[in-house]
N, C-alpha and C. Protein backbone atom coordinates (compact mmCIF):
# COMPACT_ATOMS: atom_id res chain seq x y z
N MET A 1 0.95 -1.04 -0.11
CA MET A 1 0.13 -0.16 -0.17
C MET A 1 0.83 1.25 -0.26
N ILE A 2 2.08 0.97 0.68
CA ILE A 2 3.08 2.58 0.79
C ILE A 2 3.19 2.30 -1.00
N ARG A 3 3.43 1.55 -1.71
CA ARG A 3 4.55 1.59 -2.48
C ARG A 3 3.55 2.68 -3.77
N THR A 4 1.94 2.02 -3.67
CA THR A 4 1.05 2.69 -4.26
C THR A 4 0.75 4.24 -4.26
N THR A 5 0.99 4.27 -3.11
CA THR A 5 0.63 5.63 -2.38
C THR A 5 1.56 6.13 -3.15
N GLY A 6 2.93 6.18 -2.78
CA GLY A 6 4.11 6.90 -3.15
C GLY A 6 4.28 6.51 -4.96
N LYS A 7 3.48 5.92 -5.66
CA LYS A 7 3.44 6.27 -7.00
C LYS A 7 2.15 6.53 -7.67
N LEU A 8 1.24 6.85 -6.75
CA LEU A 8 0.35 7.80 -6.42
C LEU A 8 0.67 9.63 -6.64
N ALA A 9 1.17 9.45 -5.70
CA ALA A 9 2.23 10.99 -5.32
C ALA A 9 3.00 11.71 -5.72
N ALA A 10 3.33 10.61 -7.06
CA ALA A 10 5.26 10.73 -7.88
C ALA A 10 4.00 11.12 -9.05
N GLY A 11 3.06 10.25 -8.96
CA GLY A 11 2.55 10.90 -10.48
C GLY A 11 1.71 12.44 -10.60
N ALA A 12 0.99 12.28 -9.50
CA ALA A 12 -0.06 13.32 -9.13
C ALA A 12 1.08 14.98 -9.24
N ALA A 13 2.23 14.91 -8.79
CA ALA A 13 3.87 15.97 -8.98
C ALA A 13 3.81 16.09 -10.31
N CYS A 14 3.97 15.06 -10.93
CA CYS A 14 4.73 15.25 -12.51
C CYS A 14 3.29 15.70 -12.99
N GLY A 15 2.17 15.38 -12.72
CA GLY A 15 1.09 16.30 -13.20
C GLY A 15 0.87 17.75 -13.05
N VAL A 16 1.03 18.00 -12.28
CA VAL A 16 1.17 19.28 -11.18
C VAL A 16 2.19 19.90 -12.12
N LEU A 17 3.38 19.17 -12.02
CA LEU A 17 4.40 19.94 -12.69
C LEU A 17 4.55 20.50 -14.23
N PHE A 18 3.60 19.11 -14.89
CA PHE A 18 3.01 19.40 -16.57
C PHE A 18 2.17 20.38 -16.79
N VAL A 19 1.09 20.78 -15.98
CA VAL A 19 0.47 21.87 -16.08
C VAL A 19 0.97 23.52 -15.36
N LEU A 20 1.68 23.05 -14.30
CA LEU A 20 2.29 24.58 -14.36
C LEU A 20 3.22 25.01 -15.03
N GLY A 21 4.14 23.84 -15.87
CA GLY A 21 5.27 24.30 -16.71
C GLY A 21 4.63 23.94 -17.67
N THR A 22 3.77 23.80 -18.68
CA THR A 22 4.02 24.32 -19.73
C THR A 22 2.88 25.56 -20.38
N ALA A 23 1.30 25.30 -19.55
CA ALA A 23 0.25 25.88 -20.14
C ALA A 23 0.63 27.00 -20.21
N PRO A 24 1.45 27.71 -18.60
CA PRO A 24 1.58 29.51 -18.86
C PRO A 24 2.49 29.74 -19.82
N ALA A 25 4.00 28.92 -20.32
CA ALA A 25 4.47 28.91 -21.30
C ALA A 25 3.98 29.08 -22.83
N ALA A 26 2.94 28.40 -22.75
CA ALA A 26 2.47 28.47 -24.14
C ALA A 26 1.78 29.92 -24.68
N GLN A 27 1.15 30.22 -23.61
CA GLN A 27 0.55 31.54 -23.45
C GLN A 27 1.29 32.84 -23.29
N ALA A 28 2.51 32.76 -22.74
CA ALA A 28 3.52 33.46 -22.85
C ALA A 28 4.55 34.13 -23.98
N ASN A 29 4.41 32.49 -24.87
CA ASN A 29 4.62 32.87 -26.45
C ASN A 29 3.96 34.06 -27.25
N GLN A 30 2.59 34.03 -26.82
CA GLN A 30 1.61 34.75 -27.60
C GLN A 30 1.68 36.12 -27.37
N GLU A 31 2.72 36.81 -28.34
CA GLU A 31 2.54 38.32 -28.15
C GLU A 31 0.88 38.93 -28.52
N ALA A 32 0.27 39.80 -27.92
CA ALA A 32 -0.71 40.74 -28.32
C ALA A 32 -1.04 41.08 -29.57
N PRO A 33 -1.60 41.55 -30.51
CA PRO A 33 -1.49 42.77 -31.09
C PRO A 33 -1.47 44.02 -31.03
N ALA A 34 -1.11 44.94 -30.76
CA ALA A 34 -0.65 46.45 -30.73
C ALA A 34 -0.58 47.34 -31.79
N GLY A 35 -1.76 48.26 -31.88
CA GLY A 35 -1.06 49.28 -32.85
C GLY A 35 -2.20 49.20 -34.11
N ARG A 36 -1.69 49.73 -35.25
CA ARG A 36 -2.40 50.17 -36.32
C ARG A 36 -1.96 48.94 -37.44
N TYR A 37 -2.83 48.52 -37.82
CA TYR A 37 -3.07 47.09 -38.65
C TYR A 37 -3.66 47.41 -39.90
N THR A 38 -3.60 46.66 -40.69
CA THR A 38 -3.92 46.59 -42.27
C THR A 38 -4.87 45.23 -42.20
N PHE A 39 -6.03 45.53 -42.52
CA PHE A 39 -6.93 44.42 -42.96
C PHE A 39 -7.37 44.48 -44.16
N SER A 40 -7.11 42.89 -44.54
CA SER A 40 -7.49 42.79 -46.41
C SER A 40 -8.47 41.79 -46.25
N ALA A 41 -9.38 41.85 -46.84
CA ALA A 41 -10.27 40.39 -46.54
C ALA A 41 -10.40 40.65 -48.07
N GLN A 42 -10.87 39.00 -48.44
CA GLN A 42 -10.88 38.70 -49.35
C GLN A 42 -11.67 37.89 -49.90
N HIS A 43 -12.59 37.44 -50.82
CA HIS A 43 -14.19 36.52 -51.17
C HIS A 43 -14.29 36.72 -52.65
N GLY A 44 -13.74 35.42 -53.09
CA GLY A 44 -13.91 35.43 -54.61
C GLY A 44 -12.81 36.80 -55.02
N PRO A 45 -13.39 36.90 -56.05
CA PRO A 45 -13.22 37.92 -56.84
C PRO A 45 -13.16 39.13 -55.79
N SER A 46 -13.75 39.68 -54.76
CA SER A 46 -14.24 40.84 -54.23
C SER A 46 -13.44 40.95 -52.72
N GLN A 47 -12.75 42.24 -52.73
CA GLN A 47 -11.51 42.42 -51.65
C GLN A 47 -11.93 43.31 -50.64
N ARG A 48 -11.72 43.70 -49.81
CA ARG A 48 -11.66 44.85 -48.66
C ARG A 48 -10.95 44.83 -47.85
N THR A 49 -10.76 46.39 -47.67
CA THR A 49 -9.33 46.45 -47.17
C THR A 49 -9.72 47.82 -45.86
N ALA A 50 -9.44 48.01 -44.76
CA ALA A 50 -9.52 48.67 -43.64
C ALA A 50 -8.15 48.70 -43.07
N THR A 51 -8.51 50.03 -41.99
CA THR A 51 -7.39 49.71 -40.92
C THR A 51 -7.95 49.44 -39.52
N TRP A 52 -7.49 48.76 -38.66
CA TRP A 52 -7.67 47.93 -37.42
C TRP A 52 -6.41 48.85 -36.32
N THR A 53 -7.37 49.06 -35.19
CA THR A 53 -6.09 49.53 -34.01
C THR A 53 -6.92 48.47 -33.03
N PHE A 54 -5.55 48.20 -32.36
CA PHE A 54 -5.71 46.95 -32.03
C PHE A 54 -4.68 47.64 -30.11
N THR A 55 -5.70 47.57 -28.77
CA THR A 55 -4.85 47.84 -27.98
C THR A 55 -5.32 47.06 -26.58
N PRO A 56 -3.82 46.31 -25.86
CA PRO A 56 -4.15 45.53 -25.21
C PRO A 56 -5.27 45.87 -24.16
N CYS A 57 -6.40 44.83 -23.48
CA CYS A 57 -6.84 45.26 -22.43
C CYS A 57 -6.54 44.17 -21.66
N GLY A 58 -5.92 43.28 -21.48
CA GLY A 58 -5.30 42.42 -20.49
C GLY A 58 -4.68 41.47 -20.72
N PRO A 59 -4.28 40.24 -20.38
CA PRO A 59 -3.07 39.04 -20.82
C PRO A 59 -4.05 38.44 -21.82
N THR A 60 -5.11 38.11 -22.38
CA THR A 60 -5.28 37.59 -23.40
C THR A 60 -6.28 38.14 -23.72
N CYS A 61 -6.45 39.37 -23.69
CA CYS A 61 -7.43 40.37 -24.55
C CYS A 61 -7.17 41.51 -24.80
N VAL A 62 -7.44 42.06 -26.04
CA VAL A 62 -7.54 43.26 -27.35
C VAL A 62 -8.34 43.59 -27.66
N SER A 63 -8.54 45.13 -27.55
CA SER A 63 -9.72 45.93 -28.09
C SER A 63 -9.30 46.44 -29.66
N VAL A 64 -10.49 46.18 -30.09
CA VAL A 64 -10.07 47.12 -31.81
C VAL A 64 -10.86 48.16 -32.21
N ASP A 65 -10.45 48.99 -32.66
CA ASP A 65 -11.13 49.70 -33.37
C ASP A 65 -11.18 49.61 -34.68
N GLY A 66 -11.74 49.62 -35.90
CA GLY A 66 -11.91 49.45 -37.02
C GLY A 66 -12.45 50.48 -38.26
N GLU A 67 -11.75 50.56 -38.87
CA GLU A 67 -12.67 52.09 -39.61
C GLU A 67 -13.86 51.42 -40.09
N ARG A 68 -13.41 49.83 -40.85
CA ARG A 68 -14.92 49.40 -40.80
C ARG A 68 -15.29 47.82 -40.23
N TRP A 69 -16.47 47.64 -40.59
CA TRP A 69 -16.74 46.31 -40.27
C TRP A 69 -16.65 45.75 -38.85
N LEU A 70 -16.04 46.26 -38.12
CA LEU A 70 -15.76 46.40 -36.67
C LEU A 70 -15.44 47.54 -35.89
N GLN A 71 -16.15 48.22 -35.07
CA GLN A 71 -15.87 48.96 -34.71
C GLN A 71 -16.25 48.73 -32.60
N ASN A 72 -15.21 49.12 -31.79
CA ASN A 72 -15.03 49.37 -30.70
C ASN A 72 -15.55 47.41 -30.19
N GLY A 73 -14.59 46.25 -30.98
CA GLY A 73 -15.23 44.93 -30.75
C GLY A 73 -13.89 44.68 -29.41
N GLU A 74 -13.83 43.36 -28.87
CA GLU A 74 -12.80 42.82 -28.25
C GLU A 74 -12.25 41.20 -28.59
N PHE A 75 -11.08 40.94 -28.64
CA PHE A 75 -10.68 39.86 -29.37
C PHE A 75 -10.31 39.29 -27.87
N HIS A 76 -10.14 37.88 -27.61
CA HIS A 76 -10.00 36.79 -26.86
C HIS A 76 -9.16 35.88 -27.28
N LEU A 77 -7.83 35.88 -26.84
CA LEU A 77 -6.83 34.89 -26.97
C LEU A 77 -7.49 33.20 -26.38
N ALA A 78 -7.68 32.33 -27.67
CA ALA A 78 -7.74 31.30 -27.64
C ALA A 78 -7.34 29.82 -27.69
N GLY A 79 -6.60 29.54 -26.90
CA GLY A 79 -5.52 28.49 -27.25
C GLY A 79 -4.56 29.34 -28.65
N ASP A 80 -3.97 29.35 -29.54
CA ASP A 80 -3.35 29.55 -30.50
C ASP A 80 -4.28 31.02 -31.50
N ARG A 81 -5.17 31.22 -31.23
CA ARG A 81 -6.14 32.07 -32.04
C ARG A 81 -6.67 33.05 -31.09
N TRP A 82 -7.04 34.45 -31.62
CA TRP A 82 -7.20 35.57 -31.14
C TRP A 82 -8.80 35.46 -31.59
N GLU A 83 -9.87 35.37 -30.80
CA GLU A 83 -11.32 35.63 -31.11
C GLU A 83 -12.09 36.51 -30.55
N TYR A 84 -13.28 36.66 -32.10
CA TYR A 84 -14.53 37.69 -31.54
C TYR A 84 -15.71 37.13 -31.84
N LYS A 85 -16.83 37.48 -31.06
CA LYS A 85 -18.30 37.60 -31.31
C LYS A 85 -18.98 38.92 -30.68
N GLY A 86 -19.72 38.94 -32.04
CA GLY A 86 -20.63 39.86 -31.25
C GLY A 86 -21.59 39.95 -32.70
N GLN A 87 -22.81 41.08 -32.33
CA GLN A 87 -24.11 41.55 -33.10
C GLN A 87 -23.74 42.96 -33.87
N GLY A 88 -24.57 43.08 -35.05
CA GLY A 88 -24.61 44.32 -35.52
C GLY A 88 -25.81 44.25 -36.14
N THR A 89 -26.07 44.91 -37.18
CA THR A 89 -27.09 44.95 -38.00
C THR A 89 -26.39 45.36 -39.41
N MET A 90 -26.94 45.03 -40.19
CA MET A 90 -26.94 45.31 -42.18
C MET A 90 -28.12 45.53 -42.47
N ASP A 91 -28.06 45.99 -43.78
CA ASP A 91 -29.48 46.23 -44.65
C ASP A 91 -30.13 45.18 -45.54
N CYS A 92 -31.11 44.44 -44.96
CA CYS A 92 -32.02 43.39 -45.63
C CYS A 92 -31.86 43.47 -47.17
N PRO A 93 -31.08 42.71 -48.38
CA PRO A 93 -31.04 43.09 -49.84
C PRO A 93 -32.74 42.72 -50.44
N VAL A 94 -33.34 42.82 -49.64
CA VAL A 94 -34.91 42.20 -50.04
C VAL A 94 -35.70 43.90 -49.61
N THR A 95 -35.88 44.06 -48.53
CA THR A 95 -36.69 44.91 -47.91
C THR A 95 -35.77 46.36 -47.22
N HIS A 96 -34.74 46.37 -47.27
CA HIS A 96 -33.66 47.62 -47.39
C HIS A 96 -33.71 47.71 -45.37
N ALA A 97 -35.05 46.70 -44.81
CA ALA A 97 -35.06 47.24 -43.27
C ALA A 97 -33.90 46.87 -42.68
N PRO A 98 -33.67 47.09 -40.86
CA PRO A 98 -31.93 46.92 -40.40
C PRO A 98 -32.46 45.35 -40.65
N LEU A 99 -31.29 44.24 -40.32
CA LEU A 99 -31.32 43.13 -40.27
C LEU A 99 -30.04 42.73 -39.43
N PRO A 100 -30.85 42.20 -38.16
CA PRO A 100 -29.89 41.73 -36.87
C PRO A 100 -28.85 40.65 -37.87
N VAL A 101 -27.79 41.04 -37.09
CA VAL A 101 -26.83 39.61 -37.79
C VAL A 101 -25.69 39.48 -36.13
N SER A 102 -25.03 37.96 -36.66
CA SER A 102 -24.23 37.93 -35.50
C SER A 102 -22.78 37.93 -36.38
N LYS A 103 -21.61 38.37 -35.63
CA LYS A 103 -20.06 38.67 -36.58
C LYS A 103 -19.14 37.63 -35.47
N THR A 104 -18.43 36.76 -36.14
CA THR A 104 -17.66 36.16 -35.60
C THR A 104 -16.21 35.78 -36.49
N ALA A 105 -15.34 36.80 -35.81
CA ALA A 105 -13.75 36.72 -36.85
C ALA A 105 -13.13 36.08 -35.85
N SER A 106 -11.58 35.64 -36.00
CA SER A 106 -11.10 35.03 -35.75
C SER A 106 -9.45 34.92 -36.32
N PHE A 107 -8.15 35.04 -35.98
CA PHE A 107 -7.17 34.82 -36.56
C PHE A 107 -5.78 34.33 -35.61
N ASP A 108 -4.75 33.99 -36.73
CA ASP A 108 -4.31 32.90 -35.99
C ASP A 108 -2.67 33.99 -35.43
N ALA A 109 -2.69 33.77 -33.84
CA ALA A 109 -1.88 34.95 -33.05
C ALA A 109 -0.55 34.63 -34.03
N VAL A 110 0.12 34.07 -34.25
CA VAL A 110 1.41 33.89 -35.44
C VAL A 110 1.79 34.63 -36.90
N THR A 111 0.44 34.19 -37.38
CA THR A 111 0.24 34.56 -38.48
C THR A 111 -0.21 35.52 -39.32
N LEU A 112 -1.08 35.56 -38.29
CA LEU A 112 -2.20 37.03 -38.00
C LEU A 112 -3.18 36.85 -39.40
N ALA A 113 -3.45 35.47 -40.08
CA ALA A 113 -4.42 35.57 -41.30
C ALA A 113 -5.82 34.93 -39.99
N GLY A 114 -7.05 35.01 -41.03
CA GLY A 114 -8.10 35.06 -39.91
C GLY A 114 -9.32 34.75 -40.98
N GLN A 115 -10.47 34.24 -40.40
CA GLN A 115 -11.32 34.66 -41.30
C GLN A 115 -12.65 35.15 -40.22
N TRP A 116 -13.65 35.75 -41.44
CA TRP A 116 -14.76 36.51 -40.58
C TRP A 116 -15.93 35.82 -41.49
N THR A 117 -17.26 35.74 -40.48
CA THR A 117 -18.31 35.13 -40.85
C THR A 117 -19.22 35.90 -40.28
N THR A 118 -20.41 36.79 -41.14
CA THR A 118 -21.31 37.15 -41.40
C THR A 118 -22.52 36.05 -41.14
N VAL A 119 -23.75 36.52 -40.01
CA VAL A 119 -24.72 35.41 -40.37
C VAL A 119 -25.92 36.40 -39.57
N THR A 120 -27.63 36.00 -40.11
CA THR A 120 -28.33 37.23 -40.19
C THR A 120 -29.14 35.96 -38.94
N LEU A 121 -29.94 36.64 -38.23
CA LEU A 121 -30.62 36.30 -36.92
C LEU A 121 -32.10 36.48 -37.05
N GLU A 122 -32.87 37.07 -38.11
CA GLU A 122 -33.97 37.07 -38.47
C GLU A 122 -34.05 36.61 -39.72
N GLN A 123 -34.89 36.46 -40.45
CA GLN A 123 -35.89 36.68 -41.52
C GLN A 123 -35.67 37.62 -42.62
N CYS A 124 -34.84 37.63 -43.59
CA CYS A 124 -34.67 38.78 -44.74
C CYS A 124 -35.43 38.26 -46.09
N GLY A 125 -36.79 38.78 -46.22
CA GLY A 125 -37.37 38.34 -47.52
C GLY A 125 -37.85 36.76 -47.37
N ARG A 126 -37.03 36.08 -48.53
CA ARG A 126 -37.55 34.58 -48.65
C ARG A 126 -36.52 33.78 -48.05
N GLY A 127 -35.29 34.37 -47.33
CA GLY A 127 -34.34 33.65 -46.92
C GLY A 127 -34.12 33.84 -45.38
N PRO A 128 -34.43 32.57 -44.62
CA PRO A 128 -34.27 31.98 -43.42
C PRO A 128 -33.73 32.59 -42.63
N ALA A 129 -33.90 32.95 -41.49
CA ALA A 129 -32.61 33.32 -40.38
C ALA A 129 -31.29 32.29 -40.81
N GLY A 130 -30.20 32.81 -40.06
CA GLY A 130 -29.85 31.98 -39.83
C GLY A 130 -28.20 31.61 -41.31
N GLY A 131 -28.96 32.38 -41.95
CA GLY A 131 -28.34 32.17 -43.54
C GLY A 131 -26.85 33.09 -43.46
N VAL A 132 -25.88 32.30 -44.00
CA VAL A 132 -24.77 32.96 -43.81
C VAL A 132 -24.78 34.34 -45.08
N VAL A 133 -24.48 35.49 -44.57
CA VAL A 133 -24.41 36.52 -45.92
C VAL A 133 -22.74 37.10 -46.00
N GLY A 134 -22.00 36.64 -45.22
CA GLY A 134 -20.58 37.12 -45.86
C GLY A 134 -19.83 36.13 -44.97
N GLN A 135 -18.52 35.75 -45.79
CA GLN A 135 -17.52 34.54 -45.15
C GLN A 135 -16.10 34.98 -46.04
N TRP A 136 -15.35 35.62 -45.16
CA TRP A 136 -14.09 36.08 -45.46
C TRP A 136 -13.10 35.58 -45.30
N ASP A 137 -11.77 35.56 -46.05
CA ASP A 137 -10.50 34.93 -45.65
C ASP A 137 -9.87 36.44 -45.33
N PHE A 138 -8.80 36.61 -44.30
CA PHE A 138 -8.69 38.05 -44.26
C PHE A 138 -6.96 37.89 -43.64
N GLN A 139 -6.54 38.87 -43.87
CA GLN A 139 -4.77 38.69 -43.26
C GLN A 139 -4.71 40.52 -42.68
N LEU A 140 -4.22 40.42 -41.39
CA LEU A 140 -3.73 41.33 -40.89
C LEU A 140 -2.22 41.93 -40.88
N THR A 141 -1.61 43.05 -41.36
CA THR A 141 -0.60 43.77 -41.58
C THR A 141 0.09 44.66 -40.77
N LYS A 142 1.05 44.45 -39.81
CA LYS A 142 1.14 46.07 -39.19
C LYS A 142 1.54 46.75 -39.41
N ILE A 143 1.40 48.13 -39.65
CA ILE A 143 1.43 49.26 -40.13
C ILE A 143 2.75 50.06 -39.41
N GLY A 144 3.67 49.92 -39.90
CA GLY A 144 4.93 50.90 -39.30
C GLY A 144 6.03 49.73 -38.17
């Protein structure tokens, strides 16, 4: 019984060292974006550009103010990606009434390559709620 307890204690100690030794180091290597970045999005032949300004708001949080598509949002580090979830509105292309939408975006913490998706939250014309109205691949590039 003493040997079993010793083995359990040794295993528990190794588990604690593993958790304490690797998790903080992985996040410590992620540098939060700060300053001005060019946002370049591509969807088929369509391309959009904007300037996004990032300001750190905590160890795993950056706020962003973009001149288009995203104003006053926050990205949070989840593993090796910065992720954003929010809501907004767009004009319904059928009725031209304001249409509530959900926006999600995420980008790789190292390459700064990401994806942006906009989904309807209500029906627009004959289109059902929950339809994807925009899905873009984008690249962030540090300015200066």
